[in-house]
Amino acid sequence: MKTYAMALDLIDDPEVIEEYKEHHESVWPEMLDALREAGWHNYSLFMTGEGLLFGYVETPNFERALAKMAETDVNKRWQNFMAPYFEGIGGKHADESMVPLENVFYLE
């Protein structure tokens, strides 16, 4: 299992940020199932007050896990639903715009 981290920017608006958080309190069950089936483990999202979003996931192969999700209808619907919350992604879906973060330190 490998670890991956990524970053994205939400629109810096308190209402937008609050809505985004509310949607993640009740992620669609079929979306959660699809993530698990695609190999996403220990997936977490963290956010600053200004909407800078950091994701962490464990998976054997991040590119393969993304590709498997891209094949699902539920992911397409979720990405379209979430698209208005992001800035700087140029019309792409958020999962196509994740900026991988370099791991520069790890304490076991």
N, C-alpha and C. Protein backbone atom coordinates (compact mmCIF):
# COMPACT_ATOMS: atom_id res chain seq x y z
N MET A 1 0.84 -1.17 0.00
CA MET A 1 0.00 0.00 0.00
C MET A 1 0.89 1.24 0.00
N LYS A 2 0.59 2.16 -0.86
CA LYS A 2 1.34 3.41 -0.94
C LYS A 2 0.45 4.55 -0.45
N THR A 3 1.08 5.62 0.02
CA THR A 3 0.33 6.79 0.47
C THR A 3 0.46 7.90 -0.56
N TYR A 4 -0.63 8.64 -0.72
CA TYR A 4 -0.67 9.74 -1.67
C TYR A 4 -1.38 10.92 -1.01
N ALA A 5 -0.92 12.11 -1.33
CA ALA A 5 -1.56 13.33 -0.86
C ALA A 5 -1.76 14.25 -2.05
N MET A 6 -2.82 15.03 -2.00
CA MET A 6 -3.10 15.93 -3.10
C MET A 6 -3.74 17.20 -2.56
N ALA A 7 -3.73 18.24 -3.38
CA ALA A 7 -4.28 19.53 -2.97
C ALA A 7 -5.18 20.08 -4.07
N LEU A 8 -6.21 20.80 -3.63
CA LEU A 8 -7.14 21.49 -4.52
C LEU A 8 -7.62 22.75 -3.81
N ASP A 9 -8.10 23.70 -4.57
CA ASP A 9 -8.63 24.94 -3.99
C ASP A 9 -10.14 25.00 -4.14
N LEU A 10 -10.81 25.23 -3.02
CA LEU A 10 -12.23 25.55 -3.07
C LEU A 10 -12.38 27.05 -3.26
N ILE A 11 -13.54 27.47 -3.69
CA ILE A 11 -13.83 28.90 -3.78
C ILE A 11 -13.78 29.46 -2.36
N ASP A 12 -13.03 30.54 -2.18
CA ASP A 12 -12.82 31.13 -0.86
C ASP A 12 -14.03 31.99 -0.48
N ASP A 13 -15.08 31.29 -0.08
CA ASP A 13 -16.33 31.93 0.33
C ASP A 13 -16.87 31.08 1.48
N PRO A 14 -17.08 31.68 2.65
CA PRO A 14 -17.52 30.90 3.81
C PRO A 14 -18.77 30.05 3.56
N GLU A 15 -19.71 30.54 2.79
CA GLU A 15 -20.92 29.76 2.50
C GLU A 15 -20.60 28.55 1.64
N VAL A 16 -19.76 28.74 0.64
CA VAL A 16 -19.35 27.65 -0.24
C VAL A 16 -18.60 26.59 0.56
N ILE A 17 -17.69 27.03 1.39
CA ILE A 17 -16.89 26.10 2.20
C ILE A 17 -17.79 25.32 3.15
N GLU A 18 -18.76 25.99 3.77
CA GLU A 18 -19.67 25.31 4.69
C GLU A 18 -20.54 24.28 3.95
N GLU A 19 -21.04 24.65 2.78
CA GLU A 19 -21.82 23.71 1.97
C GLU A 19 -21.00 22.48 1.60
N TYR A 20 -19.76 22.72 1.18
CA TYR A 20 -18.87 21.62 0.80
C TYR A 20 -18.71 20.65 1.98
N LYS A 21 -18.48 21.20 3.16
CA LYS A 21 -18.32 20.36 4.35
C LYS A 21 -19.60 19.58 4.65
N GLU A 22 -20.74 20.23 4.51
CA GLU A 22 -22.02 19.56 4.76
C GLU A 22 -22.22 18.38 3.81
N HIS A 23 -21.87 18.57 2.55
CA HIS A 23 -22.02 17.47 1.57
C HIS A 23 -21.13 16.28 1.96
N HIS A 24 -20.01 16.55 2.57
CA HIS A 24 -19.10 15.46 2.94
C HIS A 24 -19.47 14.81 4.27
N GLU A 25 -20.46 15.34 4.95
CA GLU A 25 -21.00 14.67 6.13
C GLU A 25 -21.95 13.56 5.73
N SER A 26 -22.41 13.60 4.48
CA SER A 26 -23.35 12.59 4.01
C SER A 26 -23.05 12.21 2.56
N VAL A 27 -21.83 11.74 2.34
CA VAL A 27 -21.44 11.28 1.00
C VAL A 27 -22.35 10.12 0.62
N TRP A 28 -22.79 10.13 -0.62
CA TRP A 28 -23.69 9.08 -1.10
C TRP A 28 -23.09 7.69 -0.82
N PRO A 29 -23.88 6.78 -0.27
CA PRO A 29 -23.37 5.43 0.01
C PRO A 29 -22.79 4.73 -1.21
N GLU A 30 -23.39 4.93 -2.38
CA GLU A 30 -22.86 4.29 -3.59
C GLU A 30 -21.52 4.88 -4.00
N MET A 31 -21.27 6.14 -3.64
CA MET A 31 -19.96 6.75 -3.90
C MET A 31 -18.91 6.12 -2.97
N LEU A 32 -19.26 5.96 -1.71
CA LEU A 32 -18.34 5.32 -0.77
C LEU A 32 -18.00 3.90 -1.21
N ASP A 33 -19.02 3.16 -1.66
CA ASP A 33 -18.79 1.80 -2.14
C ASP A 33 -17.86 1.79 -3.35
N ALA A 34 -18.09 2.73 -4.28
CA ALA A 34 -17.25 2.79 -5.48
C ALA A 34 -15.81 3.10 -5.13
N LEU A 35 -15.59 4.01 -4.19
CA LEU A 35 -14.22 4.32 -3.76
C LEU A 35 -13.53 3.08 -3.20
N ARG A 36 -14.23 2.38 -2.33
CA ARG A 36 -13.65 1.16 -1.74
C ARG A 36 -13.33 0.12 -2.82
N GLU A 37 -14.28 -0.08 -3.73
CA GLU A 37 -14.09 -1.07 -4.80
C GLU A 37 -12.94 -0.68 -5.73
N ALA A 38 -12.68 0.61 -5.87
CA ALA A 38 -11.60 1.08 -6.74
C ALA A 38 -10.24 1.05 -6.04
N GLY A 39 -10.23 0.69 -4.75
CA GLY A 39 -8.96 0.55 -4.05
C GLY A 39 -8.55 1.72 -3.20
N TRP A 40 -9.47 2.62 -2.86
CA TRP A 40 -9.17 3.75 -1.99
C TRP A 40 -9.30 3.28 -0.54
N HIS A 41 -8.26 3.52 0.25
CA HIS A 41 -8.26 3.14 1.67
C HIS A 41 -7.79 4.33 2.51
N ASN A 42 -8.33 4.42 3.72
CA ASN A 42 -7.92 5.49 4.65
C ASN A 42 -7.91 6.85 3.97
N TYR A 43 -8.96 7.13 3.24
CA TYR A 43 -9.08 8.38 2.49
C TYR A 43 -9.58 9.47 3.42
N SER A 44 -8.85 10.58 3.49
CA SER A 44 -9.22 11.71 4.34
C SER A 44 -9.07 13.00 3.57
N LEU A 45 -9.93 13.96 3.90
CA LEU A 45 -9.81 15.31 3.37
C LEU A 45 -9.62 16.27 4.54
N PHE A 46 -8.72 17.22 4.37
CA PHE A 46 -8.43 18.25 5.37
C PHE A 46 -8.55 19.60 4.66
N MET A 47 -8.95 20.63 5.40
CA MET A 47 -9.15 21.91 4.75
C MET A 47 -8.75 23.06 5.67
N THR A 48 -8.16 24.08 5.06
CA THR A 48 -7.91 25.33 5.79
C THR A 48 -9.19 26.15 5.78
N GLY A 49 -9.24 27.17 6.61
CA GLY A 49 -10.40 28.05 6.67
C GLY A 49 -10.66 28.81 5.38
N GLU A 50 -9.65 28.93 4.54
CA GLU A 50 -9.79 29.64 3.27
C GLU A 50 -10.14 28.71 2.12
N GLY A 51 -10.32 27.43 2.39
CA GLY A 51 -10.74 26.50 1.36
C GLY A 51 -9.64 25.76 0.64
N LEU A 52 -8.42 25.79 1.16
CA LEU A 52 -7.36 24.96 0.57
C LEU A 52 -7.58 23.54 1.09
N LEU A 53 -7.80 22.63 0.17
CA LEU A 53 -8.18 21.26 0.49
C LEU A 53 -7.00 20.33 0.29
N PHE A 54 -6.74 19.50 1.28
CA PHE A 54 -5.68 18.50 1.21
C PHE A 54 -6.31 17.12 1.34
N GLY A 55 -5.96 16.23 0.45
CA GLY A 55 -6.46 14.87 0.52
C GLY A 55 -5.32 13.90 0.80
N TYR A 56 -5.66 12.82 1.51
CA TYR A 56 -4.71 11.76 1.82
C TYR A 56 -5.40 10.44 1.52
N VAL A 57 -4.73 9.56 0.84
CA VAL A 57 -5.31 8.25 0.54
C VAL A 57 -4.20 7.20 0.50
N GLU A 58 -4.57 5.99 0.85
CA GLU A 58 -3.67 4.85 0.72
C GLU A 58 -4.27 3.93 -0.34
N THR A 59 -3.44 3.52 -1.29
CA THR A 59 -3.88 2.64 -2.36
C THR A 59 -2.64 2.03 -3.01
N PRO A 60 -2.76 0.85 -3.58
CA PRO A 60 -1.59 0.26 -4.24
C PRO A 60 -1.12 1.08 -5.44
N ASN A 61 -2.05 1.71 -6.16
CA ASN A 61 -1.69 2.45 -7.36
C ASN A 61 -2.69 3.59 -7.55
N PHE A 62 -2.27 4.82 -7.31
CA PHE A 62 -3.17 5.97 -7.33
C PHE A 62 -3.77 6.18 -8.72
N GLU A 63 -2.97 6.08 -9.76
CA GLU A 63 -3.47 6.29 -11.11
C GLU A 63 -4.53 5.25 -11.46
N ARG A 64 -4.31 4.01 -11.05
CA ARG A 64 -5.29 2.96 -11.32
C ARG A 64 -6.58 3.20 -10.53
N ALA A 65 -6.43 3.64 -9.28
CA ALA A 65 -7.61 3.93 -8.45
C ALA A 65 -8.42 5.07 -9.06
N LEU A 66 -7.74 6.11 -9.55
CA LEU A 66 -8.44 7.21 -10.22
C LEU A 66 -9.13 6.72 -11.49
N ALA A 67 -8.45 5.91 -12.27
CA ALA A 67 -9.01 5.40 -13.52
C ALA A 67 -10.25 4.54 -13.26
N LYS A 68 -10.19 3.72 -12.23
CA LYS A 68 -11.36 2.89 -11.89
C LYS A 68 -12.55 3.75 -11.50
N MET A 69 -12.29 4.82 -10.75
CA MET A 69 -13.38 5.71 -10.37
C MET A 69 -13.94 6.43 -11.59
N ALA A 70 -13.09 6.81 -12.52
CA ALA A 70 -13.54 7.52 -13.71
C ALA A 70 -14.49 6.68 -14.55
N GLU A 71 -14.44 5.37 -14.40
CA GLU A 71 -15.31 4.47 -15.15
C GLU A 71 -16.71 4.36 -14.55
N THR A 72 -16.91 4.88 -13.35
CA THR A 72 -18.20 4.70 -12.67
C THR A 72 -19.15 5.86 -12.92
N ASP A 73 -20.41 5.54 -13.04
CA ASP A 73 -21.45 6.56 -13.20
C ASP A 73 -21.57 7.41 -11.94
N VAL A 74 -21.48 6.78 -10.78
CA VAL A 74 -21.64 7.55 -9.53
C VAL A 74 -20.54 8.60 -9.39
N ASN A 75 -19.33 8.29 -9.81
CA ASN A 75 -18.25 9.28 -9.73
C ASN A 75 -18.52 10.45 -10.67
N LYS A 76 -19.01 10.17 -11.87
CA LYS A 76 -19.33 11.25 -12.80
C LYS A 76 -20.40 12.17 -12.20
N ARG A 77 -21.43 11.57 -11.58
CA ARG A 77 -22.48 12.38 -10.96
C ARG A 77 -21.95 13.19 -9.78
N TRP A 78 -21.10 12.55 -8.95
CA TRP A 78 -20.53 13.25 -7.79
C TRP A 78 -19.63 14.40 -8.23
N GLN A 79 -18.78 14.14 -9.22
CA GLN A 79 -17.86 15.17 -9.70
C GLN A 79 -18.63 16.36 -10.28
N ASN A 80 -19.70 16.10 -11.02
CA ASN A 80 -20.53 17.18 -11.55
C ASN A 80 -21.20 17.96 -10.42
N PHE A 81 -21.65 17.25 -9.41
CA PHE A 81 -22.31 17.86 -8.26
C PHE A 81 -21.34 18.75 -7.49
N MET A 82 -20.08 18.34 -7.36
CA MET A 82 -19.08 19.07 -6.59
C MET A 82 -18.35 20.15 -7.39
N ALA A 83 -18.41 20.11 -8.72
CA ALA A 83 -17.65 21.02 -9.57
C ALA A 83 -17.82 22.50 -9.21
N PRO A 84 -19.01 22.99 -8.87
CA PRO A 84 -19.16 24.42 -8.58
C PRO A 84 -18.40 24.91 -7.34
N TYR A 85 -17.90 24.00 -6.53
CA TYR A 85 -17.21 24.40 -5.30
C TYR A 85 -15.73 24.69 -5.50
N PHE A 86 -15.18 24.30 -6.64
CA PHE A 86 -13.75 24.42 -6.88
C PHE A 86 -13.41 25.59 -7.77
N GLU A 87 -12.20 26.13 -7.57
CA GLU A 87 -11.70 27.15 -8.47
C GLU A 87 -10.36 26.70 -9.03
N GLY A 88 -10.05 27.23 -10.20
CA GLY A 88 -8.75 26.95 -10.79
C GLY A 88 -8.61 25.57 -11.40
N ILE A 89 -9.74 24.91 -11.74
CA ILE A 89 -9.62 23.58 -12.32
C ILE A 89 -9.97 23.58 -13.82
N GLY A 90 -10.25 24.75 -14.36
CA GLY A 90 -10.40 24.90 -15.80
C GLY A 90 -11.43 24.01 -16.46
N GLY A 91 -12.58 23.83 -15.84
CA GLY A 91 -13.63 23.02 -16.44
C GLY A 91 -13.46 21.52 -16.26
N LYS A 92 -12.38 21.11 -15.62
CA LYS A 92 -12.17 19.68 -15.35
C LYS A 92 -12.92 19.31 -14.08
N HIS A 93 -13.02 18.02 -13.83
CA HIS A 93 -13.52 17.55 -12.55
C HIS A 93 -12.39 17.63 -11.53
N ALA A 94 -12.76 17.73 -10.27
CA ALA A 94 -11.77 17.83 -9.21
C ALA A 94 -10.81 16.65 -9.22
N ASP A 95 -11.33 15.44 -9.46
CA ASP A 95 -10.45 14.27 -9.42
C ASP A 95 -9.48 14.24 -10.59
N GLU A 96 -9.70 15.06 -11.61
CA GLU A 96 -8.77 15.18 -12.73
C GLU A 96 -7.75 16.30 -12.49
N SER A 97 -7.97 17.07 -11.43
CA SER A 97 -7.17 18.27 -11.18
C SER A 97 -6.36 18.20 -9.90
N MET A 98 -6.34 17.06 -9.27
CA MET A 98 -5.59 16.93 -8.02
C MET A 98 -4.11 17.16 -8.27
N VAL A 99 -3.51 17.99 -7.45
CA VAL A 99 -2.08 18.24 -7.54
C VAL A 99 -1.39 17.33 -6.54
N PRO A 100 -0.64 16.33 -7.02
CA PRO A 100 0.05 15.44 -6.07
C PRO A 100 1.06 16.20 -5.23
N LEU A 101 1.15 15.86 -3.98
CA LEU A 101 2.09 16.49 -3.06
C LEU A 101 3.27 15.56 -2.81
N GLU A 102 4.45 16.12 -2.80
CA GLU A 102 5.65 15.34 -2.54
C GLU A 102 5.77 15.08 -1.04
N ASN A 103 6.02 13.84 -0.68
CA ASN A 103 6.25 13.48 0.72
C ASN A 103 7.70 13.83 1.06
N VAL A 104 7.88 14.80 1.96
CA VAL A 104 9.22 15.22 2.30
C VAL A 104 9.66 14.78 3.70
N PHE A 105 8.72 14.18 4.46
CA PHE A 105 9.08 13.70 5.78
C PHE A 105 8.06 12.67 6.22
N TYR A 106 8.52 11.62 6.87
CA TYR A 106 7.66 10.58 7.40
C TYR A 106 8.25 10.05 8.68
N LEU A 107 7.49 10.01 9.75
CA LEU A 107 7.92 9.44 11.02
C LEU A 107 7.09 8.20 11.27
N GLU A 108 7.73 7.07 11.37
CA GLU A 108 7.03 5.81 11.62
C GLU A 108 7.03 5.53 13.10
